[in-house]
């Protein structure tokens, strides 16, 4: 991993930009992008934190756009009940003026795994520039904070997951569970009756 950082750091912001696109385009088995950005900064402290955060957020947004497009290709394998259920939440967000902006901002500005959000967007065939704008602003803010406090934040995180692969697998497993949970919520009942009810968790049909 250190060799990858050194190779791409030679290209400065452009190299970091490419790494963030690749990491965020992958659905699973990738470390959190804030760790990657913080590692680049620790490797080269001369980088401007604000510019680095904006470059990272741009790469992350393009990567998530790619992930959304790829996820949309799998909609045909989604069960009809879940497909209808996902369309309901999509219609609800469309009716809200800043629905996609707020949802994406929250995932971008917090440690929530944003891969599940854009996989869901892809399965919903969501179409809104707001989802990318909100995510970009959220990511920029979170990256600035994480880079500034990189050493203080990253050290205990890596100590918690001394085996990095184990940590990544745990995070991805949690993300997959959230996708299943998201697709299993009966959004019609939740939106209209404010009650939580689940539909049969059969997501894929073959």
C-alpha atoms as a PDB file:
ATOM      1  CA  UNK A   1       0.000   0.000   0.000  1.00  0.00           C
ATOM      2  CA  UNK A   2       2.840   2.377   0.863  1.00  0.00           C
ATOM      3  CA  UNK A   3       4.353   1.789  -2.593  1.00  0.00           C
ATOM      4  CA  UNK A   4       1.057   2.808  -4.234  1.00  0.00           C
ATOM      5  CA  UNK A   5       1.010   6.057  -2.248  1.00  0.00           C
ATOM      6  CA  UNK A   6       4.583   6.843  -3.258  1.00  0.00           C
ATOM      7  CA  UNK A   7       3.930   6.114  -6.945  1.00  0.00           C
ATOM      8  CA  UNK A   8       0.806   8.261  -7.206  1.00  0.00           C
ATOM      9  CA  UNK A   9       2.148  11.010  -4.946  1.00  0.00           C
ATOM     10  CA  UNK A  10       4.729  11.748  -7.645  1.00  0.00           C
ATOM     11  CA  UNK A  11       1.862  13.093  -9.755  1.00  0.00           C
ATOM     12  CA  UNK A  12       0.704  15.336  -6.891  1.00  0.00           C
ATOM     13  CA  UNK A  13      -2.987  16.255  -6.938  1.00  0.00           C
ATOM     14  CA  UNK A  14      -3.625  14.549 -10.281  1.00  0.00           C
ATOM     15  CA  UNK A  15      -2.363  11.207  -8.968  1.00  0.00           C
ATOM     16  CA  UNK A  16      -4.460  11.546  -5.809  1.00  0.00           C
ATOM     17  CA  UNK A  17      -7.475  12.427  -7.961  1.00  0.00           C
ATOM     18  CA  UNK A  18      -7.093   9.205  -9.975  1.00  0.00           C
ATOM     19  CA  UNK A  19      -6.712   7.072  -6.846  1.00  0.00           C
ATOM     20  CA  UNK A  20      -9.897   8.527  -5.318  1.00  0.00           C
ATOM     21  CA  UNK A  21     -11.869   7.829  -8.511  1.00  0.00           C
ATOM     22  CA  UNK A  22     -10.763   4.195  -8.511  1.00  0.00           C
ATOM     23  CA  UNK A  23     -11.397   3.637  -4.810  1.00  0.00           C
ATOM     24  CA  UNK A  24     -14.890   5.160  -4.917  1.00  0.00           C
ATOM     25  CA  UNK A  25     -15.905   3.370  -8.127  1.00  0.00           C
ATOM     26  CA  UNK A  26     -15.402   0.007  -6.410  1.00  0.00           C
ATOM     27  CA  UNK A  27     -18.414  -1.294  -4.434  1.00  0.00           C
ATOM     28  CA  UNK A  28     -16.429  -3.212  -1.795  1.00  0.00           C
ATOM     29  CA  UNK A  29     -12.952  -4.126  -0.515  1.00  0.00           C
ATOM     30  CA  UNK A  30     -11.617  -0.567  -0.464  1.00  0.00           C
ATOM     31  CA  UNK A  31     -10.330   1.372   2.564  1.00  0.00           C
ATOM     32  CA  UNK A  32     -12.173   4.562   3.582  1.00  0.00           C
ATOM     33  CA  UNK A  33     -11.063   7.351   1.243  1.00  0.00           C
ATOM     34  CA  UNK A  34     -10.295   9.722   4.138  1.00  0.00           C
ATOM     35  CA  UNK A  35      -7.538   7.337   5.219  1.00  0.00           C
ATOM     36  CA  UNK A  36      -6.069   7.471   1.718  1.00  0.00           C
ATOM     37  CA  UNK A  37      -6.174  11.273   1.622  1.00  0.00           C
ATOM     38  CA  UNK A  38      -4.684  11.563   5.099  1.00  0.00           C
ATOM     39  CA  UNK A  39      -1.908   9.136   4.127  1.00  0.00           C
ATOM     40  CA  UNK A  40      -1.044  11.258   1.087  1.00  0.00           C
ATOM     41  CA  UNK A  41      -0.928  14.364   3.264  1.00  0.00           C
ATOM     42  CA  UNK A  42       1.293  12.722   5.871  1.00  0.00           C
ATOM     43  CA  UNK A  43       3.548  11.612   3.037  1.00  0.00           C
ATOM     44  CA  UNK A  44       3.711  15.169   1.642  1.00  0.00           C
ATOM     45  CA  UNK A  45       2.743  17.850   4.210  1.00  0.00           C
ATOM     46  CA  UNK A  46       3.392  20.585   1.626  1.00  0.00           C
ATOM     47  CA  UNK A  47       0.023  19.774   0.031  1.00  0.00           C
ATOM     48  CA  UNK A  48      -2.649  22.400   0.614  1.00  0.00           C
ATOM     49  CA  UNK A  49      -5.318  20.872   2.857  1.00  0.00           C
ATOM     50  CA  UNK A  50      -8.248  22.731   1.263  1.00  0.00           C
ATOM     51  CA  UNK A  51      -7.133  21.947  -2.294  1.00  0.00           C
ATOM     52  CA  UNK A  52      -6.419  18.335  -1.339  1.00  0.00           C
ATOM     53  CA  UNK A  53      -9.898  17.982   0.167  1.00  0.00           C
ATOM     54  CA  UNK A  54     -11.561  19.496  -2.910  1.00  0.00           C
ATOM     55  CA  UNK A  55      -9.541  17.304  -5.280  1.00  0.00           C
ATOM     56  CA  UNK A  56     -10.380  14.271  -3.167  1.00  0.00           C
ATOM     57  CA  UNK A  57     -14.077  15.162  -3.044  1.00  0.00           C
ATOM     58  CA  UNK A  58     -14.159  15.609  -6.823  1.00  0.00           C
ATOM     59  CA  UNK A  59     -12.491  12.254  -7.409  1.00  0.00           C
ATOM     60  CA  UNK A  60     -14.774  10.595  -4.861  1.00  0.00           C
ATOM     61  CA  UNK A  61     -17.879  12.074  -6.505  1.00  0.00           C
ATOM     62  CA  UNK A  62     -16.840  10.917  -9.978  1.00  0.00           C
ATOM     63  CA  UNK A  63     -16.096   7.481  -8.531  1.00  0.00           C
ATOM     64  CA  UNK A  64     -19.514   7.278  -6.862  1.00  0.00           C
ATOM     65  CA  UNK A  65     -21.143   8.406 -10.115  1.00  0.00           C
ATOM     66  CA  UNK A  66     -19.449   5.461 -11.821  1.00  0.00           C
ATOM     67  CA  UNK A  67     -20.557   3.104  -9.026  1.00  0.00           C
ATOM     68  CA  UNK A  68     -24.147   4.345  -9.377  1.00  0.00           C
ATOM     69  CA  UNK A  69     -24.101   3.690 -13.120  1.00  0.00           C
ATOM     70  CA  UNK A  70     -22.722   0.180 -12.660  1.00  0.00           C
ATOM     71  CA  UNK A  71     -25.258  -0.598  -9.916  1.00  0.00           C
ATOM     72  CA  UNK A  72     -28.097   0.472 -12.209  1.00  0.00           C
ATOM     73  CA  UNK A  73     -27.218  -2.388 -14.549  1.00  0.00           C
ATOM     74  CA  UNK A  74     -28.238  -4.878 -11.841  1.00  0.00           C
ATOM     75  CA  UNK A  75     -31.745  -3.463 -11.369  1.00  0.00           C
ATOM     76  CA  UNK A  76     -33.138  -6.138 -13.683  1.00  0.00           C
ATOM     77  CA  UNK A  77     -32.104  -8.772 -11.136  1.00  0.00           C
ATOM     78  CA  UNK A  78     -33.953  -7.078  -8.266  1.00  0.00           C
ATOM     79  CA  UNK A  79     -37.228  -8.704  -7.166  1.00  0.00           C
ATOM     80  CA  UNK A  80     -40.376  -6.871  -8.268  1.00  0.00           C
ATOM     81  CA  UNK A  81     -41.475  -6.139  -4.700  1.00  0.00           C
ATOM     82  CA  UNK A  82     -38.127  -4.600  -3.789  1.00  0.00           C
ATOM     83  CA  UNK A  83     -37.993  -2.762  -7.119  1.00  0.00           C
ATOM     84  CA  UNK A  84     -41.377  -1.159  -6.446  1.00  0.00           C
ATOM     85  CA  UNK A  85     -40.287  -0.409  -2.892  1.00  0.00           C
ATOM     86  CA  UNK A  86     -37.127   1.363  -4.069  1.00  0.00           C
ATOM     87  CA  UNK A  87     -39.146   3.403  -6.580  1.00  0.00           C
ATOM     88  CA  UNK A  88     -41.344   4.673  -3.748  1.00  0.00           C
ATOM     89  CA  UNK A  89     -38.428   6.132  -1.807  1.00  0.00           C
ATOM     90  CA  UNK A  90     -37.074   7.531  -5.073  1.00  0.00           C
ATOM     91  CA  UNK A  91     -40.369   9.286  -5.797  1.00  0.00           C
ATOM     92  CA  UNK A  92     -40.439  10.606  -2.234  1.00  0.00           C
ATOM     93  CA  UNK A  93     -36.967  12.139  -2.567  1.00  0.00           C
ATOM     94  CA  UNK A  94     -37.940  13.621  -5.940  1.00  0.00           C
ATOM     95  CA  UNK A  95     -40.889  15.388  -4.343  1.00  0.00           C
ATOM     96  CA  UNK A  96     -38.681  16.936  -1.691  1.00  0.00           C
ATOM     97  CA  UNK A  97     -36.907  20.039  -2.997  1.00  0.00           C
ATOM     98  CA  UNK A  98     -33.614  19.172  -1.329  1.00  0.00           C
ATOM     99  CA  UNK A  99     -34.211  15.474  -0.701  1.00  0.00           C
ATOM    100  CA  UNK A 100     -31.251  14.126  -2.631  1.00  0.00           C
ATOM    101  CA  UNK A 101     -28.993  16.996  -1.559  1.00  0.00           C
ATOM    102  CA  UNK A 102     -29.616  16.403   2.149  1.00  0.00           C
ATOM    103  CA  UNK A 103     -29.362  12.599   1.924  1.00  0.00           C
ATOM    104  CA  UNK A 104     -26.095  12.745  -0.014  1.00  0.00           C
ATOM    105  CA  UNK A 105     -24.652  15.497   2.186  1.00  0.00           C
ATOM    106  CA  UNK A 106     -25.287  13.452   5.326  1.00  0.00           C
ATOM    107  CA  UNK A 107     -23.526  10.418   3.857  1.00  0.00           C
ATOM    108  CA  UNK A 108     -20.701  12.582   2.540  1.00  0.00           C
ATOM    109  CA  UNK A 109     -20.088  14.523   5.746  1.00  0.00           C
ATOM    110  CA  UNK A 110     -20.334  11.587   8.158  1.00  0.00           C
ATOM    111  CA  UNK A 111     -18.595   8.194   8.498  1.00  0.00           C
ATOM    112  CA  UNK A 112     -21.640   6.452   6.986  1.00  0.00           C
ATOM    113  CA  UNK A 113     -20.550   4.098   4.137  1.00  0.00           C
ATOM    114  CA  UNK A 114     -21.511   6.070   1.030  1.00  0.00           C
ATOM    115  CA  UNK A 115     -21.084   3.062  -1.274  1.00  0.00           C
ATOM    116  CA  UNK A 116     -24.433   1.710  -0.072  1.00  0.00           C
ATOM    117  CA  UNK A 117     -26.091   5.049  -0.824  1.00  0.00           C
ATOM    118  CA  UNK A 118     -24.947   5.134  -4.437  1.00  0.00           C
ATOM    119  CA  UNK A 119     -25.662   1.446  -4.968  1.00  0.00           C
ATOM    120  CA  UNK A 120     -29.198   2.209  -3.770  1.00  0.00           C
ATOM    121  CA  UNK A 121     -29.336   5.251  -6.061  1.00  0.00           C
ATOM    122  CA  UNK A 122     -28.316   3.024  -8.957  1.00  0.00           C
ATOM    123  CA  UNK A 123     -30.969   0.414  -8.167  1.00  0.00           C
ATOM    124  CA  UNK A 124     -33.528   3.233  -7.886  1.00  0.00           C
ATOM    125  CA  UNK A 125     -32.389   4.746 -11.211  1.00  0.00           C
ATOM    126  CA  UNK A 126     -32.245   8.053  -9.334  1.00  0.00           C
ATOM    127  CA  UNK A 127     -31.651  11.121 -11.502  1.00  0.00           C
ATOM    128  CA  UNK A 128     -30.754  14.330  -9.726  1.00  0.00           C
ATOM    129  CA  UNK A 129     -27.715  16.606  -9.826  1.00  0.00           C
ATOM    130  CA  UNK A 130     -28.451  17.266  -6.160  1.00  0.00           C
ATOM    131  CA  UNK A 131     -27.153  13.844  -5.120  1.00  0.00           C
ATOM    132  CA  UNK A 132     -23.706  14.719  -6.468  1.00  0.00           C
ATOM    133  CA  UNK A 133     -23.681  18.319  -5.224  1.00  0.00           C
ATOM    134  CA  UNK A 134     -24.643  17.308  -1.697  1.00  0.00           C
ATOM    135  CA  UNK A 135     -22.102  14.499  -1.641  1.00  0.00           C
ATOM    136  CA  UNK A 136     -19.299  16.758  -2.939  1.00  0.00           C
ATOM    137  CA  UNK A 137     -19.865  19.432  -0.306  1.00  0.00           C
ATOM    138  CA  UNK A 138     -20.224  16.843   2.445  1.00  0.00           C
ATOM    139  CA  UNK A 139     -17.043  15.060   1.408  1.00  0.00           C
ATOM    140  CA  UNK A 140     -15.072  18.307   1.138  1.00  0.00           C
ATOM    141  CA  UNK A 141     -15.991  19.280   4.697  1.00  0.00           C
ATOM    142  CA  UNK A 142     -15.292  15.831   6.141  1.00  0.00           C
ATOM    143  CA  UNK A 143     -11.972  15.533   4.272  1.00  0.00           C
ATOM    144  CA  UNK A 144     -10.741  18.897   5.578  1.00  0.00           C
ATOM    145  CA  UNK A 145     -11.520  17.830   9.141  1.00  0.00           C
ATOM    146  CA  UNK A 146      -9.998  14.366   8.743  1.00  0.00           C
ATOM    147  CA  UNK A 147      -6.809  15.663   7.088  1.00  0.00           C
ATOM    148  CA  UNK A 148      -6.279  18.356   9.734  1.00  0.00           C
ATOM    149  CA  UNK A 149      -6.684  15.803  12.516  1.00  0.00           C
ATOM    150  CA  UNK A 150      -5.227  12.928  10.514  1.00  0.00           C
ATOM    151  CA  UNK A 151      -2.720  11.577  13.030  1.00  0.00           C
ATOM    152  CA  UNK A 152      -5.112  11.812  15.953  1.00  0.00           C
ATOM    153  CA  UNK A 153      -7.942  10.112  14.055  1.00  0.00           C
ATOM    154  CA  UNK A 154      -6.110   7.553  11.945  1.00  0.00           C
ATOM    155  CA  UNK A 155      -3.859   6.004  14.599  1.00  0.00           C
ATOM    156  CA  UNK A 156      -6.643   4.676  16.883  1.00  0.00           C
ATOM    157  CA  UNK A 157      -8.641   3.605  13.808  1.00  0.00           C
ATOM    158  CA  UNK A 158      -5.745   1.510  12.494  1.00  0.00           C
ATOM    159  CA  UNK A 159      -5.056   0.136  15.970  1.00  0.00           C
ATOM    160  CA  UNK A 160      -8.692  -0.929  16.201  1.00  0.00           C
ATOM    161  CA  UNK A 161      -8.268  -2.830  12.944  1.00  0.00           C
ATOM    162  CA  UNK A 162      -4.633  -3.899  13.173  1.00  0.00           C
ATOM    163  CA  UNK A 163      -5.254  -6.290  10.303  1.00  0.00           C
ATOM    164  CA  UNK A 164      -6.387  -3.786   7.656  1.00  0.00           C
ATOM    165  CA  UNK A 165      -8.021  -6.430   5.479  1.00  0.00           C
ATOM    166  CA  UNK A 166     -10.133  -7.542   8.430  1.00  0.00           C
ATOM    167  CA  UNK A 167     -11.172  -3.959   9.055  1.00  0.00           C
ATOM    168  CA  UNK A 168     -12.146  -3.435   5.412  1.00  0.00           C
ATOM    169  CA  UNK A 169     -14.113  -6.693   5.352  1.00  0.00           C
ATOM    170  CA  UNK A 170     -15.978  -5.717   8.529  1.00  0.00           C
ATOM    171  CA  UNK A 171     -16.873  -2.305   7.103  1.00  0.00           C
ATOM    172  CA  UNK A 172     -18.008  -3.839   3.802  1.00  0.00           C
ATOM    173  CA  UNK A 173     -20.029  -6.491   5.631  1.00  0.00           C
ATOM    174  CA  UNK A 174     -21.761  -3.756   7.590  1.00  0.00           C
ATOM    175  CA  UNK A 175     -22.439  -1.901   4.330  1.00  0.00           C
ATOM    176  CA  UNK A 176     -23.996  -4.974   2.707  1.00  0.00           C
ATOM    177  CA  UNK A 177     -26.227  -5.468   5.742  1.00  0.00           C
ATOM    178  CA  UNK A 178     -27.378  -1.858   5.428  1.00  0.00           C
ATOM    179  CA  UNK A 179     -28.206  -2.352   1.724  1.00  0.00           C
ATOM    180  CA  UNK A 180     -30.346  -5.393   2.571  1.00  0.00           C
ATOM    181  CA  UNK A 181     -32.014  -3.471   5.401  1.00  0.00           C
ATOM    182  CA  UNK A 182     -32.647  -0.447   3.169  1.00  0.00           C
ATOM    183  CA  UNK A 183     -34.234  -2.590   0.453  1.00  0.00           C
ATOM    184  CA  UNK A 184     -36.345  -4.481   2.993  1.00  0.00           C
ATOM    185  CA  UNK A 185     -38.009  -1.453   4.606  1.00  0.00           C
ATOM    186  CA  UNK A 186     -41.605  -0.944   3.458  1.00  0.00           C
ATOM    187  CA  UNK A 187     -41.175   2.684   2.441  1.00  0.00           C
ATOM    188  CA  UNK A 188     -44.872   3.120   1.599  1.00  0.00           C
ATOM    189  CA  UNK A 189     -45.884   2.375   5.188  1.00  0.00           C
ATOM    190  CA  UNK A 190     -43.002   4.395   6.630  1.00  0.00           C
ATOM    191  CA  UNK A 191     -43.727   7.486   4.508  1.00  0.00           C
ATOM    192  CA  UNK A 192     -47.521   7.430   4.746  1.00  0.00           C
ATOM    193  CA  UNK A 193     -48.111   5.960   8.199  1.00  0.00           C
ATOM    194  CA  UNK A 194     -44.805   6.770   9.936  1.00  0.00           C
ATOM    195  CA  UNK A 195     -44.481   3.123  10.939  1.00  0.00           C
ATOM    196  CA  UNK A 196     -41.564   0.802  10.349  1.00  0.00           C
ATOM    197  CA  UNK A 197     -42.499  -2.373   8.521  1.00  0.00           C
ATOM    198  CA  UNK A 198     -40.385  -4.764   6.505  1.00  0.00           C
ATOM    199  CA  UNK A 199     -41.066  -6.611   3.296  1.00  0.00           C
ATOM    200  CA  UNK A 200     -39.732 -10.066   2.528  1.00  0.00           C
ATOM    201  CA  UNK A 201     -35.956  -9.618   2.192  1.00  0.00           C
ATOM    202  CA  UNK A 202     -35.669 -11.336  -1.173  1.00  0.00           C
ATOM    203  CA  UNK A 203     -33.611  -8.795  -3.070  1.00  0.00           C
ATOM    204  CA  UNK A 204     -32.381 -10.716  -6.094  1.00  0.00           C
ATOM    205  CA  UNK A 205     -34.440 -12.772  -8.483  1.00  0.00           C
ATOM    206  CA  UNK A 206     -32.904 -15.386 -10.788  1.00  0.00           C
END
